Full PDB file with SEQRES, HELIX, SHEET, SSBOND, CRYST1, ORIGX, SCALE, CONECT and MASTER records, all heavy atoms in Angstrom:
SEQRES   1 A   35  MET PRO GLY SER ASN LYS VAL PHE ASP SER SER MET ILE          
SEQRES   2 A   35  PRO GLY GLU ILE ILE ASP LEU LEU VAL ILE ASN THR ASP          
SEQRES   3 A   35  ILE LEU LYS ALA ASN PRO ASN LEU GLY                          
HELIX    1 AA1 SER A   10  MET A   12  5                                   3    
HELIX    2 AA2 THR A   25  ALA A   30  1                                   6    
CRYST1    1.000    1.000    1.000  90.00  90.00  90.00 P 1           1          
ORIGX1      1.000000  0.000000  0.000000        0.00000                         
ORIGX2      0.000000  1.000000  0.000000        0.00000                         
ORIGX3      0.000000  0.000000  1.000000        0.00000                         
SCALE1      1.000000  0.000000  0.000000        0.00000                         
SCALE2      0.000000  1.000000  0.000000        0.00000                         
SCALE3      0.000000  0.000000  1.000000        0.00000                         
ATOM      1  N   MET A   1     -43.133  95.409  83.151  1.00  0.00           N  
ATOM      2  CA  MET A   1     -43.214  96.728  83.773  1.00  0.00           C  
ATOM      3  C   MET A   1     -41.827  97.354  83.921  1.00  0.00           C  
ATOM      4  O   MET A   1     -40.829  96.646  84.091  1.00  0.00           O  
ATOM      5  CB  MET A   1     -43.893  96.615  85.143  1.00  0.00           C  
ATOM      6  CG  MET A   1     -45.320  96.115  85.083  1.00  0.00           C  
ATOM      7  SD  MET A   1     -46.057  95.980  86.737  1.00  0.00           S  
ATOM      8  CE  MET A   1     -47.648  95.241  86.319  1.00  0.00           C  
ATOM      9  N   PRO A   2     -41.739  98.666  83.872  1.00  0.00           N  
ATOM     10  CA  PRO A   2     -40.438  99.362  83.975  1.00  0.00           C  
ATOM     11  C   PRO A   2     -39.724  99.041  85.285  1.00  0.00           C  
ATOM     12  O   PRO A   2     -40.352  98.960  86.348  1.00  0.00           O  
ATOM     13  CB  PRO A   2     -40.832 100.849  83.926  1.00  0.00           C  
ATOM     14  CG  PRO A   2     -42.168 100.873  83.263  1.00  0.00           C  
ATOM     15  CD  PRO A   2     -42.859  99.605  83.682  1.00  0.00           C  
ATOM     16  N   GLY A   3     -38.416  98.838  85.217  1.00  0.00           N  
ATOM     17  CA  GLY A   3     -37.607  98.652  86.409  1.00  0.00           C  
ATOM     18  C   GLY A   3     -37.569  97.256  86.972  1.00  0.00           C  
ATOM     19  O   GLY A   3     -36.878  97.000  87.969  1.00  0.00           O  
ATOM     20  N   SER A   4     -38.307  96.314  86.357  1.00  0.00           N  
ATOM     21  CA  SER A   4     -38.370  94.958  86.903  1.00  0.00           C  
ATOM     22  C   SER A   4     -37.176  94.136  86.433  1.00  0.00           C  
ATOM     23  O   SER A   4     -36.826  94.135  85.256  1.00  0.00           O  
ATOM     24  CB  SER A   4     -39.672  94.272  86.498  1.00  0.00           C  
ATOM     25  OG  SER A   4     -39.773  94.185  85.097  1.00  0.00           O  
ATOM     26  N   ASN A   5     -36.553  93.425  87.383  1.00  0.00           N  
ATOM     27  CA  ASN A   5     -35.403  92.583  87.068  1.00  0.00           C  
ATOM     28  C   ASN A   5     -35.550  91.229  87.747  1.00  0.00           C  
ATOM     29  O   ASN A   5     -35.706  91.155  88.972  1.00  0.00           O  
ATOM     30  CB  ASN A   5     -34.106  93.241  87.552  1.00  0.00           C  
ATOM     31  CG  ASN A   5     -33.805  94.535  86.824  1.00  0.00           C  
ATOM     32  OD1 ASN A   5     -33.594  94.542  85.620  1.00  0.00           O  
ATOM     33  ND2 ASN A   5     -33.818  95.642  87.559  1.00  0.00           N  
ATOM     34  N   LYS A   6     -35.513  90.172  86.952  1.00  0.00           N  
ATOM     35  CA  LYS A   6     -35.578  88.813  87.487  1.00  0.00           C  
ATOM     36  C   LYS A   6     -34.200  88.459  88.055  1.00  0.00           C  
ATOM     37  O   LYS A   6     -33.205  88.468  87.319  1.00  0.00           O  
ATOM     38  CB  LYS A   6     -35.978  87.829  86.393  1.00  0.00           C  
ATOM     39  CG  LYS A   6     -36.230  86.413  86.895  1.00  0.00           C  
ATOM     40  CD  LYS A   6     -36.406  85.436  85.744  1.00  0.00           C  
ATOM     41  CE  LYS A   6     -37.600  85.739  84.869  1.00  0.00           C  
ATOM     42  NZ  LYS A   6     -37.797  84.682  83.832  1.00  0.00           N  
ATOM     43  N   VAL A   7     -34.133  88.145  89.349  1.00  0.00           N  
ATOM     44  CA  VAL A   7     -32.842  87.901  89.986  1.00  0.00           C  
ATOM     45  C   VAL A   7     -32.653  86.456  90.454  1.00  0.00           C  
ATOM     46  O   VAL A   7     -31.540  86.054  90.788  1.00  0.00           O  
ATOM     47  CB  VAL A   7     -32.623  88.865  91.173  1.00  0.00           C  
ATOM     48  CG1 VAL A   7     -32.533  90.305  90.684  1.00  0.00           C  
ATOM     49  CG2 VAL A   7     -33.731  88.719  92.216  1.00  0.00           C  
ATOM     50  N   PHE A   8     -33.730  85.694  90.481  1.00  0.00           N  
ATOM     51  CA  PHE A   8     -33.630  84.272  90.833  1.00  0.00           C  
ATOM     52  C   PHE A   8     -34.895  83.599  90.329  1.00  0.00           C  
ATOM     53  O   PHE A   8     -35.986  84.143  90.486  1.00  0.00           O  
ATOM     54  CB  PHE A   8     -33.520  84.081  92.354  1.00  0.00           C  
ATOM     55  CG  PHE A   8     -33.206  82.667  92.775  1.00  0.00           C  
ATOM     56  CD1 PHE A   8     -31.903  82.196  92.789  1.00  0.00           C  
ATOM     57  CD2 PHE A   8     -34.221  81.791  93.158  1.00  0.00           C  
ATOM     58  CE1 PHE A   8     -31.604  80.885  93.171  1.00  0.00           C  
ATOM     59  CE2 PHE A   8     -33.941  80.486  93.539  1.00  0.00           C  
ATOM     60  CZ  PHE A   8     -32.630  80.033  93.545  1.00  0.00           C  
ATOM     61  N   ASP A   9     -34.728  82.431  89.693  1.00  0.00           N  
ATOM     62  CA  ASP A   9     -35.925  81.737  89.235  1.00  0.00           C  
ATOM     63  C   ASP A   9     -35.772  80.230  89.407  1.00  0.00           C  
ATOM     64  O   ASP A   9     -34.708  79.721  89.804  1.00  0.00           O  
ATOM     65  CB  ASP A   9     -36.303  82.114  87.801  1.00  0.00           C  
ATOM     66  CG  ASP A   9     -35.307  81.633  86.758  1.00  0.00           C  
ATOM     67  OD1 ASP A   9     -34.748  80.525  86.915  1.00  0.00           O  
ATOM     68  OD2 ASP A   9     -35.086  82.350  85.764  1.00  0.00           O  
ATOM     69  N   SER A  10     -36.839  79.525  89.120  1.00  0.00           N  
ATOM     70  CA  SER A  10     -36.900  78.089  89.403  1.00  0.00           C  
ATOM     71  C   SER A  10     -35.987  77.254  88.512  1.00  0.00           C  
ATOM     72  O   SER A  10     -35.747  76.081  88.810  1.00  0.00           O  
ATOM     73  CB  SER A  10     -38.344  77.593  89.280  1.00  0.00           C  
ATOM     74  OG  SER A  10     -38.926  77.999  88.051  1.00  0.00           O  
ATOM     75  N   SER A  11     -35.445  77.841  87.426  1.00  0.00           N  
ATOM     76  CA  SER A  11     -34.475  77.096  86.619  1.00  0.00           C  
ATOM     77  C   SER A  11     -33.185  76.865  87.404  1.00  0.00           C  
ATOM     78  O   SER A  11     -32.381  75.997  87.044  1.00  0.00           O  
ATOM     79  CB  SER A  11     -34.166  77.845  85.315  1.00  0.00           C  
ATOM     80  OG  SER A  11     -33.439  79.032  85.561  1.00  0.00           O  
ATOM     81  N   MET A  12     -33.009  77.619  88.479  1.00  0.00           N  
ATOM     82  CA  MET A  12     -31.821  77.473  89.320  1.00  0.00           C  
ATOM     83  C   MET A  12     -31.998  76.372  90.369  1.00  0.00           C  
ATOM     84  O   MET A  12     -31.039  75.995  91.040  1.00  0.00           O  
ATOM     85  CB  MET A  12     -31.485  78.817  89.974  1.00  0.00           C  
ATOM     86  CG  MET A  12     -31.200  79.916  88.965  1.00  0.00           C  
ATOM     87  SD  MET A  12     -31.079  81.550  89.722  1.00  0.00           S  
ATOM     88  CE  MET A  12     -30.874  82.583  88.248  1.00  0.00           C  
ATOM     89  N   ILE A  13     -33.223  75.880  90.508  1.00  0.00           N  
ATOM     90  CA  ILE A  13     -33.494  74.726  91.372  1.00  0.00           C  
ATOM     91  C   ILE A  13     -34.369  73.735  90.571  1.00  0.00           C  
ATOM     92  O   ILE A  13     -35.479  73.416  90.962  1.00  0.00           O  
ATOM     93  CB  ILE A  13     -34.179  75.130  92.698  1.00  0.00           C  
ATOM     94  CG1 ILE A  13     -35.423  76.010  92.445  1.00  0.00           C  
ATOM     95  CG2 ILE A  13     -33.209  75.841  93.624  1.00  0.00           C  
ATOM     96  CD1 ILE A  13     -36.296  76.193  93.689  1.00  0.00           C  
ATOM     97  N   PRO A  14     -33.861  73.252  89.444  1.00  0.00           N  
ATOM     98  CA  PRO A  14     -34.689  72.436  88.545  1.00  0.00           C  
ATOM     99  C   PRO A  14     -35.242  71.189  89.214  1.00  0.00           C  
ATOM    100  O   PRO A  14     -34.558  70.518  89.990  1.00  0.00           O  
ATOM    101  CB  PRO A  14     -33.715  72.070  87.418  1.00  0.00           C  
ATOM    102  CG  PRO A  14     -32.359  72.183  88.026  1.00  0.00           C  
ATOM    103  CD  PRO A  14     -32.461  73.324  88.992  1.00  0.00           C  
ATOM    104  N   GLY A  15     -36.516  70.907  88.923  1.00  0.00           N  
ATOM    105  CA  GLY A  15     -37.146  69.695  89.444  1.00  0.00           C  
ATOM    106  C   GLY A  15     -37.680  69.804  90.851  1.00  0.00           C  
ATOM    107  O   GLY A  15     -38.180  68.821  91.392  1.00  0.00           O  
ATOM    108  N   GLU A  16     -37.640  71.000  91.453  1.00  0.00           N  
ATOM    109  CA  GLU A  16     -38.090  71.127  92.842  1.00  0.00           C  
ATOM    110  C   GLU A  16     -39.525  71.642  92.961  1.00  0.00           C  
ATOM    111  O   GLU A  16     -40.212  71.329  93.926  1.00  0.00           O  
ATOM    112  CB  GLU A  16     -37.137  72.031  93.630  1.00  0.00           C  
ATOM    113  CG  GLU A  16     -35.760  71.413  93.818  1.00  0.00           C  
ATOM    114  CD  GLU A  16     -34.896  72.149  94.824  1.00  0.00           C  
ATOM    115  OE1 GLU A  16     -35.443  72.752  95.764  1.00  0.00           O  
ATOM    116  OE2 GLU A  16     -33.653  72.125  94.659  1.00  0.00           O  
ATOM    117  N   ILE A  17     -39.978  72.436  92.006  1.00  0.00           N  
ATOM    118  CA  ILE A  17     -41.374  72.911  92.006  1.00  0.00           C  
ATOM    119  C   ILE A  17     -42.100  72.123  90.929  1.00  0.00           C  
ATOM    120  O   ILE A  17     -41.969  72.389  89.734  1.00  0.00           O  
ATOM    121  CB  ILE A  17     -41.450  74.425  91.762  1.00  0.00           C  
ATOM    122  CG1 ILE A  17     -40.711  75.182  92.870  1.00  0.00           C  
ATOM    123  CG2 ILE A  17     -42.907  74.877  91.693  1.00  0.00           C  
ATOM    124  CD1 ILE A  17     -40.654  76.688  92.666  1.00  0.00           C  
ATOM    125  N   ILE A  18     -42.852  71.116  91.369  1.00  0.00           N  
ATOM    126  CA  ILE A  18     -43.437  70.128  90.463  1.00  0.00           C  
ATOM    127  C   ILE A  18     -44.950  70.323  90.403  1.00  0.00           C  
ATOM    128  O   ILE A  18     -45.602  70.520  91.434  1.00  0.00           O  
ATOM    129  CB  ILE A  18     -43.114  68.696  90.948  1.00  0.00           C  
ATOM    130  CG1 ILE A  18     -41.622  68.562  91.273  1.00  0.00           C  
ATOM    131  CG2 ILE A  18     -43.531  67.670  89.908  1.00  0.00           C  
ATOM    132  CD1 ILE A  18     -41.279  67.294  92.044  1.00  0.00           C  
ATOM    133  N   ASP A  19     -45.500  70.238  89.202  1.00  0.00           N  
ATOM    134  CA  ASP A  19     -46.933  70.429  89.009  1.00  0.00           C  
ATOM    135  C   ASP A  19     -47.606  69.084  88.779  1.00  0.00           C  
ATOM    136  O   ASP A  19     -47.210  68.316  87.894  1.00  0.00           O  
ATOM    137  CB  ASP A  19     -47.176  71.378  87.836  1.00  0.00           C  
ATOM    138  CG  ASP A  19     -46.511  72.728  88.075  1.00  0.00           C  
ATOM    139  OD1 ASP A  19     -46.714  73.288  89.166  1.00  0.00           O  
ATOM    140  OD2 ASP A  19     -45.784  73.205  87.188  1.00  0.00           O  
ATOM    141  N   LEU A  20     -48.630  68.823  89.559  1.00  0.00           N  
ATOM    142  CA  LEU A  20     -49.231  67.496  89.644  1.00  0.00           C  
ATOM    143  C   LEU A  20     -50.739  67.537  89.449  1.00  0.00           C  
ATOM    144  O   LEU A  20     -51.369  68.580  89.649  1.00  0.00           O  
ATOM    145  CB  LEU A  20     -48.979  66.896  91.032  1.00  0.00           C  
ATOM    146  CG  LEU A  20     -47.572  66.974  91.614  1.00  0.00           C  
ATOM    147  CD1 LEU A  20     -47.607  66.643  93.096  1.00  0.00           C  
ATOM    148  CD2 LEU A  20     -46.649  66.028  90.861  1.00  0.00           C  
ATOM    149  N   LEU A  21     -51.304  66.378  89.117  1.00  0.00           N  
ATOM    150  CA  LEU A  21     -52.726  66.148  89.371  1.00  0.00           C  
ATOM    151  C   LEU A  21     -52.770  65.198  90.551  1.00  0.00           C  
ATOM    152  O   LEU A  21     -52.292  64.059  90.475  1.00  0.00           O  
ATOM    153  CB  LEU A  21     -53.458  65.535  88.183  1.00  0.00           C  
ATOM    154  CG  LEU A  21     -54.961  65.370  88.473  1.00  0.00           C  
ATOM    155  CD1 LEU A  21     -55.671  66.722  88.486  1.00  0.00           C  
ATOM    156  CD2 LEU A  21     -55.634  64.428  87.474  1.00  0.00           C  
ATOM    157  N   VAL A  22     -53.321  65.679  91.652  1.00  0.00           N  
ATOM    158  CA  VAL A  22     -53.364  64.915  92.898  1.00  0.00           C  
ATOM    159  C   VAL A  22     -54.772  64.384  93.099  1.00  0.00           C  
ATOM    160  O   VAL A  22     -55.760  65.112  92.940  1.00  0.00           O  
ATOM    161  CB  VAL A  22     -52.946  65.805  94.084  1.00  0.00           C  
ATOM    162  CG1 VAL A  22     -53.194  65.101  95.413  1.00  0.00           C  
ATOM    163  CG2 VAL A  22     -51.479  66.189  93.946  1.00  0.00           C  
ATOM    164  N   ILE A  23     -54.869  63.112  93.451  1.00  0.00           N  
ATOM    165  CA  ILE A  23     -56.169  62.461  93.633  1.00  0.00           C  
ATOM    166  C   ILE A  23     -56.256  61.844  95.020  1.00  0.00           C  
ATOM    167  O   ILE A  23     -55.239  61.392  95.581  1.00  0.00           O  
ATOM    168  CB  ILE A  23     -56.385  61.395  92.527  1.00  0.00           C  
ATOM    169  CG1 ILE A  23     -57.832  60.860  92.549  1.00  0.00           C  
ATOM    170  CG2 ILE A  23     -55.378  60.260  92.645  1.00  0.00           C  
ATOM    171  CD1 ILE A  23     -58.172  60.030  91.310  1.00  0.00           C  
ATOM    172  N   ASN A  24     -57.443  61.844  95.594  1.00  0.00           N  
ATOM    173  CA  ASN A  24     -57.672  61.207  96.885  1.00  0.00           C  
ATOM    174  C   ASN A  24     -57.362  59.722  96.761  1.00  0.00           C  
ATOM    175  O   ASN A  24     -57.918  59.023  95.912  1.00  0.00           O  
ATOM    176  CB  ASN A  24     -59.131  61.432  97.309  1.00  0.00           C  
ATOM    177  CG  ASN A  24     -59.447  60.831  98.651  1.00  0.00           C  
ATOM    178  OD1 ASN A  24     -59.459  59.616  98.818  1.00  0.00           O  
ATOM    179  ND2 ASN A  24     -59.732  61.681  99.621  1.00  0.00           N  
ATOM    180  N   THR A  25     -56.443  59.228  97.580  1.00  0.00           N  
ATOM    181  CA  THR A  25     -55.981  57.841  97.471  1.00  0.00           C  
ATOM    182  C   THR A  25     -57.111  56.842  97.664  1.00  0.00           C  
ATOM    183  O   THR A  25     -57.187  55.828  96.945  1.00  0.00           O  
ATOM    184  CB  THR A  25     -54.862  57.580  98.492  1.00  0.00           C  
ATOM    185  OG1 THR A  25     -53.773  58.488  98.232  1.00  0.00           O  
ATOM    186  CG2 THR A  25     -54.346  56.153  98.397  1.00  0.00           C  
ATOM    187  N   ASP A  26     -57.993  57.100  98.610  1.00  0.00           N  
ATOM    188  CA  ASP A  26     -59.116  56.174  98.853  1.00  0.00           C  
ATOM    189  C   ASP A  26     -60.050  56.122  97.649  1.00  0.00           C  
ATOM    190  O   ASP A  26     -60.552  55.057  97.279  1.00  0.00           O  
ATOM    191  CB  ASP A  26     -59.893  56.585 100.106  1.00  0.00           C  
ATOM    192  CG  ASP A  26     -59.081  56.378 101.381  1.00  0.00           C  
ATOM    193  OD1 ASP A  26     -58.145  55.555 101.355  1.00  0.00           O  
ATOM    194  OD2 ASP A  26     -59.382  57.047 102.388  1.00  0.00           O  
ATOM    195  N   ILE A  27     -60.290  57.286  97.039  1.00  0.00           N  
ATOM    196  CA  ILE A  27     -61.139  57.330  95.847  1.00  0.00           C  
ATOM    197  C   ILE A  27     -60.486  56.566  94.706  1.00  0.00           C  
ATOM    198  O   ILE A  27     -61.135  55.808  93.979  1.00  0.00           O  
ATOM    199  CB  ILE A  27     -61.439  58.784  95.443  1.00  0.00           C  
ATOM    200  CG1 ILE A  27     -62.335  59.457  96.492  1.00  0.00           C  
ATOM    201  CG2 ILE A  27     -62.092  58.846  94.060  1.00  0.00           C  
ATOM    202  CD1 ILE A  27     -62.633  60.917  96.220  1.00  0.00           C  
ATOM    203  N   LEU A  28     -59.192  56.744  94.540  1.00  0.00           N  
ATOM    204  CA  LEU A  28     -58.473  56.048  93.466  1.00  0.00           C  
ATOM    205  C   LEU A  28     -58.519  54.535  93.667  1.00  0.00           C  
ATOM    206  O   LEU A  28     -58.741  53.784  92.714  1.00  0.00           O  
ATOM    207  CB  LEU A  28     -57.032  56.530  93.407  1.00  0.00           C  
ATOM    208  CG  LEU A  28     -56.149  55.894  92.325  1.00  0.00           C  
ATOM    209  CD1 LEU A  28     -56.702  56.190  90.936  1.00  0.00           C  
ATOM    210  CD2 LEU A  28     -54.713  56.383  92.451  1.00  0.00           C  
ATOM    211  N   LYS A  29     -58.313  54.091  94.905  1.00  0.00           N  
ATOM    212  CA  LYS A  29     -58.347  52.653  95.184  1.00  0.00           C  
ATOM    213  C   LYS A  29     -59.720  52.063  94.893  1.00  0.00           C  
ATOM    214  O   LYS A  29     -59.842  50.946  94.373  1.00  0.00           O  
ATOM    215  CB  LYS A  29     -57.962  52.388  96.638  1.00  0.00           C  
ATOM    216  CG  LYS A  29     -56.487  52.571  96.929  1.00  0.00           C  
ATOM    217  CD  LYS A  29     -56.183  52.301  98.404  1.00  0.00           C  
ATOM    218  CE  LYS A  29     -54.700  52.445  98.709  1.00  0.00           C  
ATOM    219  NZ  LYS A  29     -54.395  52.239 100.144  1.00  0.00           N  
ATOM    220  N   ALA A  30     -60.767  52.812  95.231  1.00  0.00           N  
ATOM    221  CA  ALA A  30     -62.128  52.327  95.016  1.00  0.00           C  
ATOM    222  C   ALA A  30     -62.562  52.450  93.564  1.00  0.00           C  
ATOM    223  O   ALA A  30     -63.477  51.743  93.121  1.00  0.00           O  
ATOM    224  CB  ALA A  30     -63.113  53.093  95.912  1.00  0.00           C  
ATOM    225  N   ASN A  31     -61.897  53.337  92.814  1.00  0.00           N  
ATOM    226  CA  ASN A  31     -62.305  53.630  91.436  1.00  0.00           C  
ATOM    227  C   ASN A  31     -61.083  53.706  90.523  1.00  0.00           C  
ATOM    228  O   ASN A  31     -60.757  54.769  89.996  1.00  0.00           O  
ATOM    229  CB  ASN A  31     -63.077  54.951  91.382  1.00  0.00           C  
ATOM    230  CG  ASN A  31     -64.262  54.981  92.326  1.00  0.00           C  
ATOM    231  OD1 ASN A  31     -65.342  54.515  91.991  1.00  0.00           O  
ATOM    232  ND2 ASN A  31     -64.054  55.529  93.522  1.00  0.00           N  
ATOM    233  N   PRO A  32     -60.380  52.601  90.310  1.00  0.00           N  
ATOM    234  CA  PRO A  32     -59.175  52.653  89.480  1.00  0.00           C  
ATOM    235  C   PRO A  32     -59.436  53.126  88.050  1.00  0.00           C  
ATOM    236  O   PRO A  32     -58.540  53.689  87.413  1.00  0.00           O  
ATOM    237  CB  PRO A  32     -58.659  51.211  89.514  1.00  0.00           C  
ATOM    238  CG  PRO A  32     -59.843  50.376  89.912  1.00  0.00           C  
ATOM    239  CD  PRO A  32     -60.642  51.241  90.822  1.00  0.00           C  
ATOM    240  N   ASN A  33     -60.655  52.932  87.556  1.00  0.00           N  
ATOM    241  CA  ASN A  33     -60.965  53.404  86.198  1.00  0.00           C  
ATOM    242  C   ASN A  33     -60.916  54.928  86.096  1.00  0.00           C  
ATOM    243  O   ASN A  33     -60.684  55.466  85.015  1.00  0.00           O  
ATOM    244  CB  ASN A  33     -62.324  52.890  85.742  1.00  0.00           C  
ATOM    245  CG  ASN A  33     -62.271  51.441  85.288  1.00  0.00           C  
ATOM    246  OD1 ASN A  33     -61.189  50.880  85.098  1.00  0.00           O  
ATOM    247  ND2 ASN A  33     -63.427  50.822  85.121  1.00  0.00           N  
ATOM    248  N   LEU A  34     -61.137  55.610  87.225  1.00  0.00           N  
ATOM    249  CA  LEU A  34     -61.015  57.068  87.217  1.00  0.00           C  
ATOM    250  C   LEU A  34     -59.564  57.452  86.936  1.00  0.00           C  
ATOM    251  O   LEU A  34     -59.298  58.364  86.141  1.00  0.00           O  
ATOM    252  CB  LEU A  34     -61.476  57.651  88.554  1.00  0.00           C  
ATOM    253  CG  LEU A  34     -61.278  59.164  88.723  1.00  0.00           C  
ATOM    254  CD1 LEU A  34     -62.058  59.940  87.670  1.00  0.00           C  
ATOM    255  CD2 LEU A  34     -61.674  59.607  90.133  1.00  0.00           C  
ATOM    256  N   GLY A  35     -58.639  56.753  87.578  1.00  0.00           N  
ATOM    257  CA  GLY A  35     -57.224  57.006  87.321  1.00  0.00           C  
ATOM    258  C   GLY A  35     -56.868  56.747  85.874  1.00  0.00           C  
ATOM    259  O   GLY A  35     -56.107  57.512  85.255  1.00  0.00           O  
TER     260      GLY A  35                                                      
MASTER        0    0    0    2    0    0    0    6  259    1    0    3          
END                                                                             
């Protein structure tokens, strides 16, 4: 869009915004094959 300027982004704090698949620990313990 017109006039937009990126002034700070996550490359300036590398490794801090992490994308995960999170699983319920109790479910994982009971069902390791799911993991």
